[in-house]
Amino acid sequence: MSVRDPFEPQLDLSFEQPRSTRRIWPVRELVGLVRELIEENYGDVWVEGEISNYRPAPSGHVYFTLKDSDASFPWFSSAASHAAPLPP
């Protein structure tokens, strides 16, 4: 008669590889999907917030953080040469 370990089902000790359900997204694909979802569900999106950490780069890109009292989002723009200048 063998003695059964009562904790065996809880430990789930097996040598099988776990199945991965996590999807690893390429950045371009994820950004494209997010953009598509926003455009389909909301059309034009206007955002109000404070710009901080504004850094123009020699390449013409600009980097900044868009924030309000509850959240912040790092931002990058490649169209800085077409954007209106920021107020002082």
Protein backbone atom coordinates (compact mmCIF):
# COMPACT_ATOMS: atom_id res chain seq x y z
CA MET A 1 0.00 0.00 0.00
CA SER A 2 1.50 3.37 -1.04
CA VAL A 3 1.04 6.54 0.92
CA ARG A 4 -0.26 9.43 -1.18
CA ASP A 5 1.21 12.89 -0.57
CA PRO A 6 -1.77 15.20 0.14
CA PHE A 7 0.17 18.25 -1.13
CA GLU A 8 1.14 16.77 -4.52
CA PRO A 9 -1.77 18.32 -6.48
CA GLN A 10 -1.06 21.74 -4.98
CA LEU A 11 2.64 21.70 -5.84
CA ASP A 12 2.08 20.81 -9.49
CA LEU A 13 5.60 19.49 -9.89
CA SER A 14 6.02 18.33 -13.45
CA PHE A 15 8.79 18.35 -16.02
CA GLU A 16 6.64 19.45 -18.92
CA GLN A 17 7.29 22.86 -20.41
CA PRO A 18 4.58 25.34 -19.41
CA ARG A 19 2.54 26.63 -22.30
CA SER A 20 3.16 30.27 -22.95
CA THR A 21 -0.01 32.32 -23.34
CA ARG A 22 1.89 35.61 -23.32
CA ARG A 23 2.24 37.33 -26.67
CA ILE A 24 5.35 39.39 -27.29
CA TRP A 25 4.41 42.33 -29.51
CA PRO A 26 6.79 44.13 -31.84
CA VAL A 27 6.63 47.85 -30.97
CA ARG A 28 5.50 48.87 -34.46
CA GLU A 29 2.63 46.36 -34.40
CA LEU A 30 1.46 47.37 -30.92
CA VAL A 31 1.59 51.10 -31.69
CA GLY A 32 -0.28 50.53 -34.96
CA LEU A 33 -2.99 48.53 -33.22
CA VAL A 34 -3.41 51.12 -30.45
CA ARG A 35 -3.60 53.91 -33.03
CA GLU A 36 -6.18 51.98 -35.06
CA LEU A 37 -8.33 51.29 -31.99
CA ILE A 38 -8.26 54.93 -30.93
CA GLU A 39 -9.07 56.22 -34.42
CA GLU A 40 -11.92 53.73 -34.93
CA ASN A 41 -13.49 54.31 -31.52
CA TYR A 42 -12.83 57.99 -30.89
CA GLY A 43 -11.93 59.71 -34.17
CA ASP A 44 -9.88 62.81 -33.47
CA VAL A 45 -8.43 62.86 -29.97
CA TRP A 46 -7.49 66.07 -28.22
CA VAL A 47 -5.54 65.85 -24.98
CA GLU A 48 -5.07 68.54 -22.36
CA GLY A 49 -2.13 68.41 -20.01
CA GLU A 50 1.18 69.91 -18.99
CA ILE A 51 4.32 69.42 -21.06
CA SER A 52 7.47 68.78 -19.05
CA ASN A 53 10.99 67.54 -19.77
CA TYR A 54 10.83 69.05 -23.27
CA ARG A 55 14.02 68.17 -25.19
CA PRO A 56 14.53 69.02 -28.85
CA ALA A 57 17.06 66.73 -30.57
CA PRO A 58 19.47 67.70 -33.37
CA SER A 59 17.58 65.28 -35.64
CA GLY A 60 14.46 67.46 -35.44
CA HIS A 61 12.64 65.09 -33.09
CA VAL A 62 11.34 66.33 -29.78
CA TYR A 63 10.95 64.37 -26.58
CA PHE A 64 8.69 65.38 -23.71
CA THR A 65 6.38 64.13 -21.00
CA LEU A 66 2.67 64.90 -21.19
CA LYS A 67 1.14 64.89 -17.73
CA ASP A 68 -1.69 65.95 -15.47
CA SER A 69 -2.25 65.51 -11.75
CA ASP A 70 -3.06 61.79 -12.10
CA ALA A 71 -0.80 60.41 -14.82
CA SER A 72 2.15 61.04 -17.11
CA PHE A 73 3.12 59.71 -20.51
CA PRO A 74 6.53 59.99 -22.20
CA TRP A 75 6.11 61.32 -25.73
CA PHE A 76 8.16 61.62 -28.89
CA SER A 77 7.40 63.53 -32.06
CA SER A 78 9.16 63.16 -35.38
CA ALA A 79 7.17 66.01 -36.90
CA ALA A 80 8.64 68.77 -34.79
CA SER A 81 9.53 70.83 -37.85
CA HIS A 82 5.79 70.96 -38.72
CA ALA A 83 4.53 71.67 -35.23
CA ALA A 84 3.63 75.07 -33.90
CA PRO A 85 6.22 76.47 -31.49
CA LEU A 86 5.49 76.01 -27.82
CA PRO A 87 4.75 79.12 -25.74
CA PRO A 88 7.55 80.19 -23.35
